[in-house]
Amino acid sequence: MVSCPKCSGVYPIIGVRVRSMTFGGRAVATEGDKTACGATLIASQGMATVEPTSGAGGSVGAGKSVVTQTTAQDDGTYRGRFQLVDDKTRAPIPNHPYTVTSADGQTIQGTTDASGHTDWISSQQASSLSFSQPGSDA
């Protein structure tokens, strides 16, 4: 539910555009979503960035996709990682080489674990992460 300053009412959000990001099992409202009164939401927080993709994970080529996982910690640090999955079966891809780079310049290289996850990358502030694999342009 959101309050509309123009209508002075409280309305449900009815037009959620990005359903692949959830919090507590519910879709997260993002800038541009619509309310029952017809208003369009305007973002007022910058804790996460969401970009619609073709599915639950963004394709990185060769039949593979990455799924992001980020968390804010109680001590004020932020953590994020990716899971590499098969585009068709959605099964995790273990033992695959990768590079993860944060917007503030941190880079980690490694191999995905048994469940297809990269290592966690941490920062004192929210930062976007990018994933690349050998042979990709990402």
N, C-alpha and C. Protein backbone atom coordinates (compact mmCIF):
# COMPACT_ATOMS: atom_id res chain seq x y z
N MET A 1 0.84 -1.17 0.00
CA MET A 1 0.00 0.00 0.00
C MET A 1 0.89 1.24 0.00
N VAL A 2 0.47 2.23 -0.76
CA VAL A 2 1.20 3.50 -0.81
C VAL A 2 0.22 4.65 -0.66
N SER A 3 0.73 5.75 -0.15
CA SER A 3 -0.12 6.93 -0.03
C SER A 3 0.15 7.84 -1.22
N CYS A 4 -0.92 8.36 -1.80
CA CYS A 4 -0.82 9.24 -2.96
C CYS A 4 -1.01 10.68 -2.51
N PRO A 5 0.00 11.54 -2.70
CA PRO A 5 -0.13 12.92 -2.26
C PRO A 5 -1.16 13.71 -3.07
N LYS A 6 -1.41 13.32 -4.31
CA LYS A 6 -2.38 14.02 -5.15
C LYS A 6 -3.82 13.68 -4.75
N CYS A 7 -4.10 12.38 -4.53
CA CYS A 7 -5.45 11.93 -4.18
C CYS A 7 -5.71 11.97 -2.69
N SER A 8 -4.66 12.06 -1.90
CA SER A 8 -4.74 11.99 -0.43
C SER A 8 -5.32 10.66 0.05
N GLY A 9 -5.13 9.61 -0.72
CA GLY A 9 -5.62 8.29 -0.34
C GLY A 9 -4.49 7.29 -0.24
N VAL A 10 -4.83 6.08 0.22
CA VAL A 10 -3.87 4.98 0.31
C VAL A 10 -4.35 3.88 -0.63
N TYR A 11 -3.46 3.43 -1.52
CA TYR A 11 -3.85 2.51 -2.58
C TYR A 11 -2.85 1.36 -2.70
N PRO A 12 -3.31 0.20 -3.20
CA PRO A 12 -2.37 -0.90 -3.46
C PRO A 12 -1.60 -0.64 -4.75
N ILE A 13 -0.43 -1.24 -4.83
CA ILE A 13 0.36 -1.21 -6.06
C ILE A 13 -0.16 -2.35 -6.92
N ILE A 14 -0.62 -2.03 -8.12
CA ILE A 14 -1.26 -3.05 -8.96
C ILE A 14 -0.47 -3.40 -10.21
N GLY A 15 0.44 -2.56 -10.62
CA GLY A 15 1.18 -2.80 -11.86
C GLY A 15 2.65 -3.00 -11.61
N VAL A 16 3.03 -4.13 -11.02
CA VAL A 16 4.44 -4.41 -10.75
C VAL A 16 5.08 -4.94 -12.02
N ARG A 17 6.10 -4.21 -12.52
CA ARG A 17 6.74 -4.57 -13.79
C ARG A 17 7.79 -5.66 -13.63
N VAL A 18 8.56 -5.64 -12.55
CA VAL A 18 9.67 -6.58 -12.36
C VAL A 18 9.27 -7.60 -11.31
N ARG A 19 8.90 -8.81 -11.73
CA ARG A 19 8.45 -9.84 -10.79
C ARG A 19 9.58 -10.78 -10.38
N SER A 20 10.75 -10.64 -10.98
CA SER A 20 11.84 -11.56 -10.68
C SER A 20 12.57 -11.18 -9.39
N MET A 21 12.32 -9.99 -8.85
CA MET A 21 12.93 -9.60 -7.58
C MET A 21 11.85 -9.64 -6.51
N THR A 22 12.09 -10.41 -5.45
CA THR A 22 11.10 -10.53 -4.38
C THR A 22 11.74 -10.26 -3.03
N PHE A 23 10.91 -9.90 -2.08
CA PHE A 23 11.32 -9.71 -0.69
C PHE A 23 10.23 -10.32 0.17
N GLY A 24 10.59 -11.31 0.98
CA GLY A 24 9.59 -11.99 1.79
C GLY A 24 8.55 -12.71 0.95
N GLY A 25 8.94 -13.14 -0.26
CA GLY A 25 8.02 -13.87 -1.12
C GLY A 25 7.09 -12.99 -1.94
N ARG A 26 7.24 -11.67 -1.83
CA ARG A 26 6.38 -10.75 -2.58
C ARG A 26 7.21 -9.92 -3.54
N ALA A 27 6.63 -9.58 -4.69
CA ALA A 27 7.34 -8.76 -5.68
C ALA A 27 7.68 -7.40 -5.07
N VAL A 28 8.85 -6.89 -5.41
CA VAL A 28 9.31 -5.59 -4.91
C VAL A 28 8.81 -4.49 -5.84
N ALA A 29 8.27 -3.42 -5.25
CA ALA A 29 7.82 -2.28 -6.04
C ALA A 29 9.04 -1.52 -6.55
N THR A 30 8.98 -1.08 -7.81
CA THR A 30 10.08 -0.33 -8.40
C THR A 30 9.55 0.92 -9.09
N GLU A 31 10.46 1.83 -9.39
CA GLU A 31 10.07 3.06 -10.07
C GLU A 31 9.35 2.72 -11.37
N GLY A 32 8.22 3.40 -11.60
CA GLY A 32 7.45 3.16 -12.81
C GLY A 32 6.26 2.23 -12.61
N ASP A 33 6.20 1.51 -11.48
CA ASP A 33 5.04 0.67 -11.18
C ASP A 33 3.82 1.55 -10.99
N LYS A 34 2.63 0.98 -11.18
CA LYS A 34 1.37 1.74 -11.09
C LYS A 34 0.61 1.41 -9.81
N THR A 35 -0.15 2.39 -9.32
CA THR A 35 -1.02 2.19 -8.16
C THR A 35 -2.46 2.13 -8.63
N ALA A 36 -3.36 1.71 -7.73
CA ALA A 36 -4.78 1.59 -8.07
C ALA A 36 -5.41 2.93 -8.45
N CYS A 37 -4.84 4.05 -7.98
CA CYS A 37 -5.40 5.35 -8.34
C CYS A 37 -4.86 5.86 -9.67
N GLY A 38 -3.92 5.11 -10.27
CA GLY A 38 -3.36 5.50 -11.55
C GLY A 38 -2.02 6.22 -11.45
N ALA A 39 -1.55 6.46 -10.24
CA ALA A 39 -0.26 7.14 -10.07
C ALA A 39 0.89 6.21 -10.45
N THR A 40 2.01 6.81 -10.79
CA THR A 40 3.23 6.07 -11.11
C THR A 40 4.22 6.27 -9.98
N LEU A 41 4.81 5.17 -9.49
CA LEU A 41 5.76 5.27 -8.38
C LEU A 41 7.05 5.95 -8.83
N ILE A 42 7.61 6.76 -7.92
CA ILE A 42 8.90 7.41 -8.13
C ILE A 42 9.82 6.90 -7.03
N ALA A 43 10.98 6.37 -7.42
CA ALA A 43 11.92 5.79 -6.44
C ALA A 43 12.44 6.86 -5.48
N SER A 44 12.52 6.49 -4.20
CA SER A 44 13.07 7.40 -3.19
C SER A 44 14.20 6.75 -2.42
N GLN A 45 14.54 5.51 -2.73
CA GLN A 45 15.64 4.81 -2.07
C GLN A 45 16.55 4.22 -3.13
N GLY A 46 17.83 4.12 -2.81
CA GLY A 46 18.79 3.58 -3.75
C GLY A 46 19.50 2.35 -3.23
N MET A 47 18.82 1.50 -2.46
CA MET A 47 19.45 0.34 -1.86
C MET A 47 19.66 -0.81 -2.84
N ALA A 48 18.92 -0.83 -3.94
CA ALA A 48 19.06 -1.91 -4.91
C ALA A 48 18.75 -1.38 -6.29
N THR A 49 19.36 -1.97 -7.27
CA THR A 49 19.09 -1.64 -8.66
C THR A 49 18.54 -2.89 -9.32
N VAL A 50 17.43 -2.74 -10.03
CA VAL A 50 16.79 -3.87 -10.70
C VAL A 50 16.69 -3.55 -12.17
N GLU A 51 17.11 -4.48 -13.00
CA GLU A 51 16.93 -4.34 -14.43
C GLU A 51 16.21 -5.57 -14.94
N PRO A 52 15.09 -5.41 -15.64
CA PRO A 52 14.38 -6.58 -16.16
C PRO A 52 15.27 -7.38 -17.09
N THR A 53 15.16 -8.70 -17.03
CA THR A 53 15.90 -9.59 -17.92
C THR A 53 14.91 -10.49 -18.62
N SER A 54 15.42 -11.39 -19.43
CA SER A 54 14.54 -12.29 -20.17
C SER A 54 13.95 -13.38 -19.29
N GLY A 55 14.46 -13.56 -18.11
CA GLY A 55 13.95 -14.60 -17.23
C GLY A 55 14.41 -14.35 -15.82
N ALA A 56 14.47 -15.42 -15.02
CA ALA A 56 14.88 -15.27 -13.63
C ALA A 56 16.35 -14.92 -13.50
N GLY A 57 17.13 -15.15 -14.53
CA GLY A 57 18.54 -14.79 -14.52
C GLY A 57 18.92 -14.20 -15.86
N GLY A 58 19.94 -13.36 -15.88
CA GLY A 58 20.39 -12.77 -17.13
C GLY A 58 21.29 -13.74 -17.87
N SER A 59 21.03 -13.94 -19.15
CA SER A 59 21.82 -14.88 -19.94
C SER A 59 23.23 -14.35 -20.13
N VAL A 60 24.21 -15.24 -19.97
CA VAL A 60 25.61 -14.88 -20.20
C VAL A 60 26.17 -15.67 -21.39
N GLY A 61 25.31 -16.31 -22.14
CA GLY A 61 25.73 -17.04 -23.33
C GLY A 61 25.98 -18.51 -23.08
N ALA A 62 26.09 -19.25 -24.15
CA ALA A 62 26.37 -20.69 -24.11
C ALA A 62 25.40 -21.45 -23.23
N GLY A 63 24.13 -21.00 -23.18
CA GLY A 63 23.12 -21.72 -22.41
C GLY A 63 23.22 -21.53 -20.91
N LYS A 64 23.88 -20.45 -20.46
CA LYS A 64 24.05 -20.21 -19.03
C LYS A 64 23.47 -18.86 -18.66
N SER A 65 22.97 -18.75 -17.43
CA SER A 65 22.47 -17.48 -16.89
C SER A 65 23.04 -17.28 -15.50
N VAL A 66 23.03 -16.01 -15.05
CA VAL A 66 23.43 -15.73 -13.68
C VAL A 66 22.25 -15.16 -12.92
N VAL A 67 22.14 -15.54 -11.66
CA VAL A 67 21.10 -15.04 -10.76
C VAL A 67 21.83 -14.32 -9.64
N THR A 68 21.44 -13.08 -9.34
CA THR A 68 22.14 -12.31 -8.30
C THR A 68 21.54 -12.56 -6.93
N GLN A 69 22.36 -12.40 -5.92
CA GLN A 69 21.93 -12.48 -4.53
C GLN A 69 22.68 -11.41 -3.76
N THR A 70 21.96 -10.46 -3.16
CA THR A 70 22.59 -9.41 -2.38
C THR A 70 21.94 -9.33 -1.01
N THR A 71 22.72 -8.91 -0.01
CA THR A 71 22.18 -8.74 1.34
C THR A 71 22.84 -7.56 2.01
N ALA A 72 22.08 -6.82 2.80
CA ALA A 72 22.64 -5.78 3.67
C ALA A 72 22.83 -6.41 5.04
N GLN A 73 23.99 -6.22 5.61
CA GLN A 73 24.32 -6.83 6.90
C GLN A 73 24.01 -5.88 8.05
N ASP A 74 23.85 -6.42 9.25
CA ASP A 74 23.57 -5.61 10.43
C ASP A 74 24.69 -4.63 10.73
N ASP A 75 25.93 -4.95 10.35
CA ASP A 75 27.06 -4.08 10.65
C ASP A 75 27.25 -2.98 9.60
N GLY A 76 26.33 -2.84 8.66
CA GLY A 76 26.39 -1.78 7.66
C GLY A 76 27.10 -2.17 6.38
N THR A 77 27.65 -3.38 6.31
CA THR A 77 28.29 -3.80 5.07
C THR A 77 27.27 -4.42 4.13
N TYR A 78 27.61 -4.45 2.87
CA TYR A 78 26.75 -5.04 1.84
C TYR A 78 27.51 -6.20 1.21
N ARG A 79 26.77 -7.27 0.86
CA ARG A 79 27.38 -8.44 0.24
C ARG A 79 26.56 -8.83 -0.98
N GLY A 80 27.24 -9.36 -1.98
CA GLY A 80 26.54 -9.84 -3.16
C GLY A 80 27.30 -10.98 -3.80
N ARG A 81 26.59 -11.83 -4.53
CA ARG A 81 27.20 -12.92 -5.27
C ARG A 81 26.25 -13.34 -6.38
N PHE A 82 26.71 -14.21 -7.24
CA PHE A 82 25.93 -14.71 -8.36
C PHE A 82 25.82 -16.23 -8.27
N GLN A 83 24.78 -16.76 -8.91
CA GLN A 83 24.67 -18.21 -9.10
C GLN A 83 24.56 -18.45 -10.60
N LEU A 84 25.42 -19.30 -11.12
CA LEU A 84 25.41 -19.66 -12.53
C LEU A 84 24.50 -20.87 -12.71
N VAL A 85 23.51 -20.74 -13.62
CA VAL A 85 22.55 -21.83 -13.86
C VAL A 85 22.41 -22.10 -15.35
N ASP A 86 22.00 -23.32 -15.68
CA ASP A 86 21.73 -23.72 -17.05
C ASP A 86 20.43 -23.06 -17.51
N ASP A 87 20.44 -22.43 -18.70
CA ASP A 87 19.25 -21.73 -19.21
C ASP A 87 18.03 -22.63 -19.34
N LYS A 88 18.22 -23.87 -19.76
CA LYS A 88 17.08 -24.76 -20.01
C LYS A 88 16.60 -25.47 -18.76
N THR A 89 17.52 -26.05 -18.01
CA THR A 89 17.12 -26.87 -16.86
C THR A 89 17.08 -26.08 -15.55
N ARG A 90 17.69 -24.90 -15.52
CA ARG A 90 17.82 -24.04 -14.33
C ARG A 90 18.66 -24.73 -13.25
N ALA A 91 19.38 -25.79 -13.61
CA ALA A 91 20.26 -26.49 -12.67
C ALA A 91 21.53 -25.67 -12.47
N PRO A 92 22.06 -25.62 -11.23
CA PRO A 92 23.31 -24.89 -10.97
C PRO A 92 24.46 -25.49 -11.78
N ILE A 93 25.41 -24.63 -12.15
CA ILE A 93 26.59 -25.08 -12.88
C ILE A 93 27.81 -24.95 -11.96
N PRO A 94 28.29 -26.08 -11.42
CA PRO A 94 29.45 -26.04 -10.51
C PRO A 94 30.77 -25.98 -11.28
N ASN A 95 31.82 -25.60 -10.56
CA ASN A 95 33.21 -25.64 -11.06
C ASN A 95 33.41 -24.86 -12.36
N HIS A 96 32.75 -23.71 -12.49
CA HIS A 96 32.87 -22.89 -13.70
C HIS A 96 33.66 -21.62 -13.37
N PRO A 97 34.68 -21.27 -14.17
CA PRO A 97 35.47 -20.07 -13.88
C PRO A 97 34.66 -18.80 -14.09
N TYR A 98 34.95 -17.75 -13.30
CA TYR A 98 34.23 -16.48 -13.38
C TYR A 98 35.11 -15.34 -12.87
N THR A 99 34.64 -14.12 -13.16
CA THR A 99 35.19 -12.89 -12.57
C THR A 99 34.00 -12.04 -12.16
N VAL A 100 33.98 -11.55 -10.92
CA VAL A 100 32.96 -10.62 -10.44
C VAL A 100 33.67 -9.31 -10.13
N THR A 101 33.13 -8.19 -10.64
CA THR A 101 33.71 -6.88 -10.42
C THR A 101 32.64 -5.96 -9.84
N SER A 102 32.99 -5.21 -8.79
CA SER A 102 32.05 -4.24 -8.21
C SER A 102 32.31 -2.87 -8.82
N ALA A 103 31.32 -1.97 -8.72
CA ALA A 103 31.45 -0.63 -9.27
C ALA A 103 32.59 0.14 -8.62
N ASP A 104 32.95 -0.23 -7.37
CA ASP A 104 34.06 0.47 -6.70
C ASP A 104 35.42 -0.16 -7.00
N GLY A 105 35.47 -1.10 -7.95
CA GLY A 105 36.74 -1.63 -8.42
C GLY A 105 37.21 -2.95 -7.83
N GLN A 106 36.51 -3.49 -6.84
CA GLN A 106 36.89 -4.80 -6.30
C GLN A 106 36.67 -5.87 -7.37
N THR A 107 37.60 -6.79 -7.47
CA THR A 107 37.47 -7.89 -8.42
C THR A 107 37.81 -9.19 -7.71
N ILE A 108 36.97 -10.20 -7.91
CA ILE A 108 37.30 -11.54 -7.43
C ILE A 108 37.19 -12.49 -8.61
N GLN A 109 38.12 -13.43 -8.66
CA GLN A 109 38.10 -14.47 -9.67
C GLN A 109 38.07 -15.80 -8.96
N GLY A 110 37.41 -16.75 -9.57
CA GLY A 110 37.34 -18.06 -8.94
C GLY A 110 36.58 -19.04 -9.79
N THR A 111 36.11 -20.07 -9.13
CA THR A 111 35.33 -21.13 -9.75
C THR A 111 34.07 -21.32 -8.92
N THR A 112 32.92 -21.45 -9.57
CA THR A 112 31.67 -21.61 -8.83
C THR A 112 31.73 -22.85 -7.94
N ASP A 113 31.03 -22.77 -6.79
CA ASP A 113 31.01 -23.89 -5.86
C ASP A 113 30.04 -24.98 -6.34
N ALA A 114 29.82 -25.98 -5.50
CA ALA A 114 28.97 -27.13 -5.88
C ALA A 114 27.55 -26.71 -6.23
N SER A 115 27.07 -25.58 -5.67
CA SER A 115 25.72 -25.11 -5.98
C SER A 115 25.72 -23.99 -7.02
N GLY A 116 26.85 -23.81 -7.72
CA GLY A 116 26.93 -22.83 -8.80
C GLY A 116 27.17 -21.40 -8.36
N HIS A 117 27.42 -21.17 -7.07
CA HIS A 117 27.61 -19.81 -6.56
C HIS A 117 29.05 -19.33 -6.70
N THR A 118 29.18 -18.01 -6.91
CA THR A 118 30.48 -17.36 -6.82
C THR A 118 30.76 -17.08 -5.35
N ASP A 119 31.98 -16.63 -5.04
CA ASP A 119 32.26 -16.16 -3.69
C ASP A 119 31.49 -14.87 -3.45
N TRP A 120 31.30 -14.51 -2.18
CA TRP A 120 30.67 -13.24 -1.81
C TRP A 120 31.67 -12.11 -2.03
N ILE A 121 31.18 -10.94 -2.42
CA ILE A 121 32.01 -9.74 -2.47
C ILE A 121 31.34 -8.72 -1.55
N SER A 122 32.14 -8.07 -0.68
CA SER A 122 31.60 -7.19 0.35
C SER A 122 32.09 -5.76 0.16
N SER A 123 31.27 -4.80 0.66
CA SER A 123 31.62 -3.38 0.58
C SER A 123 30.92 -2.64 1.71
N GLN A 124 31.42 -1.48 2.06
CA GLN A 124 30.79 -0.65 3.09
C GLN A 124 29.62 0.16 2.52
N GLN A 125 29.46 0.19 1.21
CA GLN A 125 28.34 0.90 0.60
C GLN A 125 27.73 0.06 -0.51
N ALA A 126 26.48 0.33 -0.83
CA ALA A 126 25.82 -0.40 -1.91
C ALA A 126 26.57 -0.14 -3.21
N SER A 127 26.75 -1.17 -4.01
CA SER A 127 27.50 -1.06 -5.25
C SER A 127 26.98 -2.10 -6.24
N SER A 128 26.94 -1.74 -7.51
CA SER A 128 26.51 -2.73 -8.50
C SER A 128 27.63 -3.72 -8.75
N LEU A 129 27.25 -4.94 -9.12
CA LEU A 129 28.20 -6.01 -9.41
C LEU A 129 28.02 -6.45 -10.85
N SER A 130 29.12 -6.81 -11.49
CA SER A 130 29.02 -7.38 -12.84
C SER A 130 29.72 -8.73 -12.86
N PHE A 131 29.20 -9.62 -13.68
CA PHE A 131 29.68 -10.99 -13.79
C PHE A 131 30.27 -11.18 -15.18
N SER A 132 31.40 -11.85 -15.26
CA SER A 132 31.91 -12.24 -16.57
C SER A 132 32.51 -13.63 -16.46
N GLN A 133 32.56 -14.29 -17.59
CA GLN A 133 33.12 -15.64 -17.67
C GLN A 133 34.06 -15.67 -18.86
N PRO A 134 34.98 -16.62 -18.90
CA PRO A 134 35.88 -16.70 -20.04
C PRO A 134 35.10 -16.78 -21.35
N GLY A 135 35.48 -15.94 -22.31
CA GLY A 135 34.83 -15.96 -23.61
C GLY A 135 33.59 -15.09 -23.71
N SER A 136 33.20 -14.40 -22.60
CA SER A 136 32.03 -13.51 -22.67
C SER A 136 32.49 -12.08 -22.75
N ASP A 137 31.63 -11.21 -23.26
CA ASP A 137 31.94 -9.79 -23.34
C ASP A 137 31.45 -9.04 -22.12
N ALA A 138 30.75 -9.71 -21.20
CA ALA A 138 30.16 -9.05 -20.03
C ALA A 138 31.21 -8.65 -19.04
